[in-house]
Amino acid sequence: MSSIANSSASLRPNQFKWQIGLWAAQILLAVFYGFAGTLKTFMPPDALPAMGLNYATQIPFLLLRFIGICELAGTIGILLPALTRIKPSLTPLAALGFVAIQILAIAFHIYRGEIEVLPMNMIALAIAAFVVWGRTRKLPITPRA
């Protein structure tokens, strides 16, 4: 039986809804940051402005790669510990890392006058904060015995 089924089997109906919402948020974050991190880590910076990352050629190359690697590490951390129930406390820490990335991204875009991208940053920030709260307070995942 999967770890999701094991952790969901003893939940009350209201908790089950929270569990579904939190897993959906975690998967959404993994897809979003997995895609963004892959682009920033493996694509040449000159190709990124055509994909909406206008700043990619205007920041240091190593900073772009560092951000991409952090996003990929967070992608692994938001799912794998929770799925395997091995060190599941890493999942809210990964979400907290996404919160930090978004706070810095919002400040960066405001500084550059790129107000049009802020709604996406705010949505990603809210989803990551929801996972931090949900996996630390509302419905933490219990580690494997």
N, C-alpha and C. Protein backbone atom coordinates (compact mmCIF):
# COMPACT_ATOMS: atom_id res chain seq x y z
N MET A 1 0.85 -1.17 0.00
CA MET A 1 0.00 0.00 0.00
C MET A 1 0.90 1.24 0.00
N SER A 2 0.52 2.27 -0.69
CA SER A 2 1.34 3.47 -0.79
C SER A 2 1.34 4.25 0.51
N SER A 3 2.33 5.13 0.65
CA SER A 3 2.42 5.93 1.87
C SER A 3 1.26 6.91 1.97
N ILE A 4 0.75 7.37 0.83
CA ILE A 4 -0.41 8.27 0.86
C ILE A 4 -1.61 7.52 1.41
N ALA A 5 -1.82 6.30 0.94
CA ALA A 5 -2.95 5.51 1.43
C ALA A 5 -2.78 5.19 2.91
N ASN A 6 -1.57 4.85 3.33
CA ASN A 6 -1.32 4.55 4.74
C ASN A 6 -1.61 5.76 5.62
N SER A 7 -1.16 6.93 5.20
CA SER A 7 -1.35 8.11 6.03
C SER A 7 -2.78 8.63 5.95
N SER A 8 -3.51 8.28 4.90
CA SER A 8 -4.88 8.76 4.73
C SER A 8 -5.92 7.81 5.29
N ALA A 9 -5.54 6.57 5.56
CA ALA A 9 -6.50 5.55 5.97
C ALA A 9 -7.19 5.88 7.29
N SER A 10 -6.49 6.49 8.22
CA SER A 10 -7.06 6.75 9.54
C SER A 10 -7.56 8.19 9.69
N LEU A 11 -7.68 8.93 8.62
CA LEU A 11 -8.11 10.32 8.70
C LEU A 11 -9.62 10.44 8.73
N ARG A 12 -10.08 11.44 9.47
CA ARG A 12 -11.50 11.78 9.43
C ARG A 12 -11.79 12.48 8.11
N PRO A 13 -13.07 12.54 7.69
CA PRO A 13 -13.39 13.14 6.38
C PRO A 13 -12.84 14.56 6.20
N ASN A 14 -12.93 15.40 7.23
CA ASN A 14 -12.42 16.76 7.12
C ASN A 14 -10.91 16.76 6.95
N GLN A 15 -10.22 15.89 7.67
CA GLN A 15 -8.77 15.79 7.54
C GLN A 15 -8.39 15.26 6.16
N PHE A 16 -9.19 14.37 5.63
CA PHE A 16 -8.92 13.83 4.30
C PHE A 16 -8.94 14.94 3.26
N LYS A 17 -9.88 15.88 3.39
CA LYS A 17 -9.95 17.02 2.47
C LYS A 17 -8.70 17.88 2.58
N TRP A 18 -8.24 18.09 3.81
CA TRP A 18 -7.01 18.85 4.00
C TRP A 18 -5.83 18.11 3.37
N GLN A 19 -5.81 16.79 3.55
CA GLN A 19 -4.72 15.98 2.99
C GLN A 19 -4.69 16.13 1.46
N ILE A 20 -5.85 16.05 0.83
CA ILE A 20 -5.93 16.20 -0.63
C ILE A 20 -5.46 17.59 -1.04
N GLY A 21 -5.91 18.61 -0.33
CA GLY A 21 -5.50 19.98 -0.64
C GLY A 21 -4.01 20.20 -0.50
N LEU A 22 -3.44 19.64 0.56
CA LEU A 22 -2.00 19.80 0.77
C LEU A 22 -1.19 19.05 -0.28
N TRP A 23 -1.61 17.82 -0.62
CA TRP A 23 -0.91 17.08 -1.66
C TRP A 23 -1.03 17.80 -3.01
N ALA A 24 -2.20 18.34 -3.30
CA ALA A 24 -2.38 19.08 -4.56
C ALA A 24 -1.44 20.29 -4.59
N ALA A 25 -1.34 20.99 -3.48
CA ALA A 25 -0.45 22.15 -3.40
C ALA A 25 1.01 21.73 -3.57
N GLN A 26 1.40 20.63 -2.94
CA GLN A 26 2.77 20.14 -3.06
C GLN A 26 3.09 19.74 -4.50
N ILE A 27 2.16 19.07 -5.16
CA ILE A 27 2.38 18.66 -6.55
C ILE A 27 2.45 19.89 -7.45
N LEU A 28 1.57 20.86 -7.22
CA LEU A 28 1.59 22.09 -8.00
C LEU A 28 2.93 22.82 -7.85
N LEU A 29 3.42 22.92 -6.62
CA LEU A 29 4.72 23.55 -6.39
C LEU A 29 5.84 22.77 -7.08
N ALA A 30 5.78 21.45 -7.01
CA ALA A 30 6.81 20.62 -7.63
C ALA A 30 6.84 20.82 -9.15
N VAL A 31 5.67 20.89 -9.76
CA VAL A 31 5.61 21.10 -11.22
C VAL A 31 6.14 22.49 -11.57
N PHE A 32 5.67 23.50 -10.85
CA PHE A 32 6.07 24.89 -11.12
C PHE A 32 7.58 25.07 -10.96
N TYR A 33 8.10 24.68 -9.80
CA TYR A 33 9.52 24.88 -9.54
C TYR A 33 10.40 23.88 -10.29
N GLY A 34 9.88 22.70 -10.56
CA GLY A 34 10.64 21.75 -11.36
C GLY A 34 10.88 22.28 -12.76
N PHE A 35 9.83 22.86 -13.35
CA PHE A 35 9.96 23.43 -14.69
C PHE A 35 10.90 24.63 -14.67
N ALA A 36 10.66 25.56 -13.73
CA ALA A 36 11.49 26.77 -13.65
C ALA A 36 12.94 26.41 -13.35
N GLY A 37 13.15 25.49 -12.42
CA GLY A 37 14.50 25.10 -12.06
C GLY A 37 15.24 24.41 -13.19
N THR A 38 14.52 23.60 -13.94
CA THR A 38 15.13 22.93 -15.09
C THR A 38 15.57 23.95 -16.14
N LEU A 39 14.72 24.92 -16.42
CA LEU A 39 15.09 25.96 -17.38
C LEU A 39 16.32 26.71 -16.92
N LYS A 40 16.32 27.16 -15.66
CA LYS A 40 17.43 27.98 -15.15
C LYS A 40 18.72 27.19 -15.01
N THR A 41 18.61 25.89 -14.81
CA THR A 41 19.81 25.07 -14.61
C THR A 41 20.41 24.57 -15.92
N PHE A 42 19.57 24.21 -16.87
CA PHE A 42 20.08 23.51 -18.05
C PHE A 42 19.99 24.29 -19.37
N MET A 43 19.17 25.32 -19.43
CA MET A 43 19.04 26.07 -20.68
C MET A 43 20.10 27.17 -20.74
N PRO A 44 20.54 27.52 -21.95
CA PRO A 44 21.46 28.66 -22.06
C PRO A 44 20.71 29.95 -21.71
N PRO A 45 21.35 30.85 -20.98
CA PRO A 45 20.66 32.09 -20.56
C PRO A 45 20.08 32.89 -21.72
N ASP A 46 20.71 32.85 -22.88
CA ASP A 46 20.20 33.61 -24.03
C ASP A 46 18.85 33.11 -24.51
N ALA A 47 18.50 31.85 -24.23
CA ALA A 47 17.23 31.29 -24.67
C ALA A 47 16.09 31.60 -23.70
N LEU A 48 16.41 32.02 -22.49
CA LEU A 48 15.38 32.18 -21.47
C LEU A 48 14.49 33.42 -21.63
N PRO A 49 14.98 34.56 -22.13
CA PRO A 49 14.06 35.70 -22.31
C PRO A 49 12.87 35.38 -23.22
N ALA A 50 13.05 34.53 -24.20
CA ALA A 50 11.94 34.14 -25.09
C ALA A 50 10.88 33.34 -24.34
N MET A 51 11.25 32.78 -23.17
CA MET A 51 10.32 32.00 -22.36
C MET A 51 9.76 32.81 -21.19
N GLY A 52 10.00 34.11 -21.20
CA GLY A 52 9.45 34.98 -20.18
C GLY A 52 10.39 35.33 -19.05
N LEU A 53 11.59 34.78 -19.05
CA LEU A 53 12.57 35.09 -18.01
C LEU A 53 13.49 36.20 -18.52
N ASN A 54 12.95 37.42 -18.58
CA ASN A 54 13.65 38.54 -19.19
C ASN A 54 14.96 38.89 -18.49
N TYR A 55 15.06 38.61 -17.22
CA TYR A 55 16.23 38.97 -16.44
C TYR A 55 17.39 38.00 -16.60
N ALA A 56 17.18 36.87 -17.26
CA ALA A 56 18.17 35.78 -17.29
C ALA A 56 19.52 36.21 -17.84
N THR A 57 19.54 37.12 -18.77
CA THR A 57 20.82 37.57 -19.34
C THR A 57 21.37 38.78 -18.61
N GLN A 58 20.62 39.28 -17.63
CA GLN A 58 21.03 40.50 -16.94
C GLN A 58 21.51 40.25 -15.51
N ILE A 59 21.56 38.99 -15.10
CA ILE A 59 22.10 38.65 -13.79
C ILE A 59 23.30 37.73 -14.01
N PRO A 60 24.18 37.61 -13.02
CA PRO A 60 25.33 36.73 -13.21
C PRO A 60 24.90 35.29 -13.51
N PHE A 61 25.64 34.67 -14.41
CA PHE A 61 25.35 33.30 -14.85
C PHE A 61 25.27 32.34 -13.66
N LEU A 62 26.23 32.43 -12.75
CA LEU A 62 26.24 31.51 -11.60
C LEU A 62 25.06 31.74 -10.67
N LEU A 63 24.58 32.97 -10.57
CA LEU A 63 23.38 33.23 -9.76
C LEU A 63 22.17 32.56 -10.39
N LEU A 64 22.04 32.66 -11.69
CA LEU A 64 20.94 32.00 -12.40
C LEU A 64 20.97 30.49 -12.16
N ARG A 65 22.14 29.90 -12.29
CA ARG A 65 22.28 28.45 -12.06
C ARG A 65 22.00 28.09 -10.60
N PHE A 66 22.47 28.92 -9.66
CA PHE A 66 22.23 28.67 -8.24
C PHE A 66 20.73 28.68 -7.93
N ILE A 67 20.02 29.65 -8.47
CA ILE A 67 18.56 29.71 -8.26
C ILE A 67 17.90 28.46 -8.83
N GLY A 68 18.30 28.06 -10.02
CA GLY A 68 17.74 26.86 -10.64
C GLY A 68 18.00 25.61 -9.83
N ILE A 69 19.20 25.46 -9.31
CA ILE A 69 19.54 24.29 -8.50
C ILE A 69 18.74 24.30 -7.20
N CYS A 70 18.58 25.47 -6.58
CA CYS A 70 17.76 25.58 -5.37
C CYS A 70 16.32 25.18 -5.65
N GLU A 71 15.79 25.61 -6.79
CA GLU A 71 14.42 25.25 -7.14
C GLU A 71 14.29 23.75 -7.39
N LEU A 72 15.27 23.14 -8.02
CA LEU A 72 15.23 21.69 -8.24
C LEU A 72 15.36 20.92 -6.93
N ALA A 73 16.22 21.39 -6.04
CA ALA A 73 16.34 20.75 -4.73
C ALA A 73 15.03 20.85 -3.95
N GLY A 74 14.39 22.01 -4.03
CA GLY A 74 13.10 22.18 -3.37
C GLY A 74 12.03 21.28 -3.97
N THR A 75 12.10 21.08 -5.28
CA THR A 75 11.15 20.19 -5.95
C THR A 75 11.25 18.77 -5.40
N ILE A 76 12.46 18.32 -5.19
CA ILE A 76 12.66 16.99 -4.60
C ILE A 76 12.18 16.99 -3.16
N GLY A 77 12.53 18.04 -2.42
CA GLY A 77 12.19 18.11 -1.00
C GLY A 77 10.72 18.28 -0.70
N ILE A 78 9.97 18.85 -1.63
CA ILE A 78 8.54 19.07 -1.38
C ILE A 78 7.75 17.77 -1.53
N LEU A 79 8.29 16.80 -2.28
CA LEU A 79 7.57 15.55 -2.53
C LEU A 79 8.19 14.32 -1.89
N LEU A 80 9.47 14.10 -2.12
CA LEU A 80 10.09 12.82 -1.76
C LEU A 80 10.01 12.48 -0.27
N PRO A 81 10.36 13.38 0.64
CA PRO A 81 10.27 13.01 2.06
C PRO A 81 8.83 12.70 2.49
N ALA A 82 7.88 13.42 1.95
CA ALA A 82 6.47 13.18 2.30
C ALA A 82 5.98 11.86 1.71
N LEU A 83 6.37 11.57 0.48
CA LEU A 83 5.94 10.32 -0.16
C LEU A 83 6.51 9.09 0.53
N THR A 84 7.78 9.16 0.88
CA THR A 84 8.44 8.00 1.48
C THR A 84 8.26 7.95 3.00
N ARG A 85 7.85 9.07 3.57
CA ARG A 85 7.74 9.24 5.03
C ARG A 85 9.09 9.03 5.71
N ILE A 86 10.16 9.28 4.98
CA ILE A 86 11.51 9.29 5.54
C ILE A 86 11.90 10.76 5.69
N LYS A 87 12.10 11.19 6.90
CA LYS A 87 12.38 12.60 7.22
C LYS A 87 11.32 13.54 6.63
N PRO A 88 10.03 13.31 6.90
CA PRO A 88 8.99 14.16 6.32
C PRO A 88 9.05 15.60 6.82
N SER A 89 9.83 15.86 7.85
CA SER A 89 9.99 17.24 8.32
C SER A 89 10.73 18.10 7.29
N LEU A 90 11.36 17.47 6.30
CA LEU A 90 12.03 18.22 5.24
C LEU A 90 11.04 18.87 4.28
N THR A 91 9.83 18.31 4.19
CA THR A 91 8.84 18.86 3.26
C THR A 91 8.45 20.30 3.60
N PRO A 92 8.08 20.62 4.86
CA PRO A 92 7.79 22.02 5.14
C PRO A 92 9.03 22.92 5.03
N LEU A 93 10.22 22.36 5.24
CA LEU A 93 11.43 23.16 5.05
C LEU A 93 11.63 23.50 3.58
N ALA A 94 11.33 22.56 2.69
CA ALA A 94 11.40 22.85 1.26
C ALA A 94 10.39 23.93 0.89
N ALA A 95 9.19 23.83 1.44
CA ALA A 95 8.17 24.86 1.18
C ALA A 95 8.62 26.21 1.73
N LEU A 96 9.28 26.20 2.89
CA LEU A 96 9.82 27.44 3.45
C LEU A 96 10.89 28.03 2.54
N GLY A 97 11.68 27.18 1.92
CA GLY A 97 12.65 27.65 0.93
C GLY A 97 11.97 28.32 -0.25
N PHE A 98 10.84 27.75 -0.69
CA PHE A 98 10.07 28.38 -1.77
C PHE A 98 9.50 29.73 -1.34
N VAL A 99 9.08 29.84 -0.09
CA VAL A 99 8.62 31.13 0.44
C VAL A 99 9.75 32.15 0.34
N ALA A 100 10.95 31.76 0.76
CA ALA A 100 12.10 32.66 0.70
C ALA A 100 12.41 33.06 -0.74
N ILE A 101 12.38 32.09 -1.65
CA ILE A 101 12.63 32.39 -3.07
C ILE A 101 11.63 33.42 -3.57
N GLN A 102 10.36 33.26 -3.22
CA GLN A 102 9.34 34.18 -3.71
C GLN A 102 9.45 35.57 -3.09
N ILE A 103 9.80 35.63 -1.81
CA ILE A 103 9.99 36.95 -1.19
C ILE A 103 11.12 37.69 -1.90
N LEU A 104 12.21 37.00 -2.16
CA LEU A 104 13.33 37.62 -2.87
C LEU A 104 12.94 37.96 -4.31
N ALA A 105 12.18 37.09 -4.97
CA ALA A 105 11.75 37.36 -6.34
C ALA A 105 10.83 38.58 -6.41
N ILE A 106 9.93 38.69 -5.44
CA ILE A 106 9.03 39.85 -5.41
C ILE A 106 9.83 41.14 -5.25
N ALA A 107 10.78 41.15 -4.32
CA ALA A 107 11.62 42.33 -4.12
C ALA A 107 12.41 42.65 -5.39
N PHE A 108 12.95 41.63 -6.03
CA PHE A 108 13.72 41.80 -7.26
C PHE A 108 12.86 42.40 -8.37
N HIS A 109 11.66 41.88 -8.55
CA HIS A 109 10.79 42.37 -9.62
C HIS A 109 10.27 43.78 -9.33
N ILE A 110 10.01 44.09 -8.07
CA ILE A 110 9.60 45.46 -7.73
C ILE A 110 10.75 46.42 -8.03
N TYR A 111 11.95 46.05 -7.65
CA TYR A 111 13.13 46.87 -7.90
C TYR A 111 13.30 47.15 -9.39
N ARG A 112 13.03 46.14 -10.22
CA ARG A 112 13.18 46.29 -11.67
C ARG A 112 11.95 46.90 -12.34
N GLY A 113 10.88 47.14 -11.57
CA GLY A 113 9.67 47.71 -12.14
C GLY A 113 8.84 46.72 -12.92
N GLU A 114 9.04 45.44 -12.68
CA GLU A 114 8.31 44.38 -13.39
C GLU A 114 7.08 43.98 -12.59
N ILE A 115 6.15 44.89 -12.49
CA ILE A 115 4.96 44.69 -11.67
C ILE A 115 4.04 43.61 -12.25
N GLU A 116 4.07 43.42 -13.55
CA GLU A 116 3.14 42.47 -14.20
C GLU A 116 3.38 41.02 -13.78
N VAL A 117 4.55 40.69 -13.27
CA VAL A 117 4.82 39.30 -12.85
C VAL A 117 4.48 39.05 -11.39
N LEU A 118 4.17 40.10 -10.65
CA LEU A 118 3.93 39.94 -9.21
C LEU A 118 2.74 39.05 -8.87
N PRO A 119 1.64 39.06 -9.61
CA PRO A 119 0.55 38.14 -9.24
C PRO A 119 0.98 36.67 -9.22
N MET A 120 1.79 36.24 -10.18
CA MET A 120 2.27 34.86 -10.18
C MET A 120 3.15 34.59 -8.97
N ASN A 121 4.01 35.57 -8.64
CA ASN A 121 4.86 35.42 -7.45
C ASN A 121 4.03 35.33 -6.18
N MET A 122 2.98 36.12 -6.09
CA MET A 122 2.13 36.12 -4.89
C MET A 122 1.37 34.79 -4.76
N ILE A 123 0.93 34.25 -5.88
CA ILE A 123 0.23 32.96 -5.85
C ILE A 123 1.18 31.86 -5.40
N ALA A 124 2.39 31.83 -5.98
CA ALA A 124 3.38 30.82 -5.58
C ALA A 124 3.75 30.98 -4.11
N LEU A 125 3.87 32.21 -3.64
CA LEU A 125 4.16 32.47 -2.22
C LEU A 125 3.04 31.95 -1.33
N ALA A 126 1.80 32.22 -1.71
CA ALA A 126 0.66 31.77 -0.90
C ALA A 126 0.57 30.24 -0.85
N ILE A 127 0.79 29.59 -1.97
CA ILE A 127 0.72 28.12 -1.99
C ILE A 127 1.84 27.52 -1.13
N ALA A 128 3.04 28.07 -1.25
CA ALA A 128 4.15 27.56 -0.44
C ALA A 128 3.90 27.81 1.04
N ALA A 129 3.37 28.98 1.40
CA ALA A 129 3.07 29.26 2.81
C ALA A 129 1.98 28.32 3.32
N PHE A 130 1.01 28.00 2.48
CA PHE A 130 -0.03 27.04 2.85
C PHE A 130 0.57 25.68 3.18
N VAL A 131 1.53 25.23 2.38
CA VAL A 131 2.17 23.93 2.64
C VAL A 131 3.00 23.99 3.92
N VAL A 132 3.70 25.10 4.15
CA VAL A 132 4.46 25.24 5.40
C VAL A 132 3.51 25.10 6.59
N TRP A 133 2.42 25.87 6.57
CA TRP A 133 1.45 25.82 7.66
C TRP A 133 0.81 24.44 7.77
N GLY A 134 0.36 23.91 6.65
CA GLY A 134 -0.35 22.63 6.66
C GLY A 134 0.50 21.46 7.12
N ARG A 135 1.77 21.45 6.73
CA ARG A 135 2.63 20.32 7.08
C ARG A 135 3.35 20.51 8.41
N THR A 136 3.20 21.68 9.04
CA THR A 136 3.76 21.86 10.39
C THR A 136 2.67 21.92 11.45
N ARG A 137 1.52 22.48 11.12
CA ARG A 137 0.47 22.70 12.12
C ARG A 137 -0.79 21.85 11.90
N LYS A 138 -1.34 21.91 10.73
CA LYS A 138 -2.65 21.30 10.48
C LYS A 138 -2.57 19.78 10.33
N LEU A 139 -1.70 19.30 9.49
CA LEU A 139 -1.66 17.87 9.18
C LEU A 139 -0.22 17.43 8.84
N PRO A 140 0.65 17.40 9.86
CA PRO A 140 2.02 16.93 9.59
C PRO A 140 2.03 15.47 9.17
N ILE A 141 3.01 15.10 8.40
CA ILE A 141 3.16 13.70 7.99
C ILE A 141 4.02 13.00 9.03
N THR A 142 3.52 11.87 9.52
CA THR A 142 4.27 11.13 10.53
C THR A 142 5.38 10.32 9.85
N PRO A 143 6.56 10.30 10.49
CA PRO A 143 7.64 9.52 9.90
C PRO A 143 7.37 8.03 9.98
N ARG A 144 8.05 7.30 9.14
CA ARG A 144 7.96 5.84 9.15
C ARG A 144 8.43 5.31 10.49
N ALA A 145 7.82 4.22 10.92
CA ALA A 145 8.20 3.62 12.21
C ALA A 145 9.49 2.85 12.10
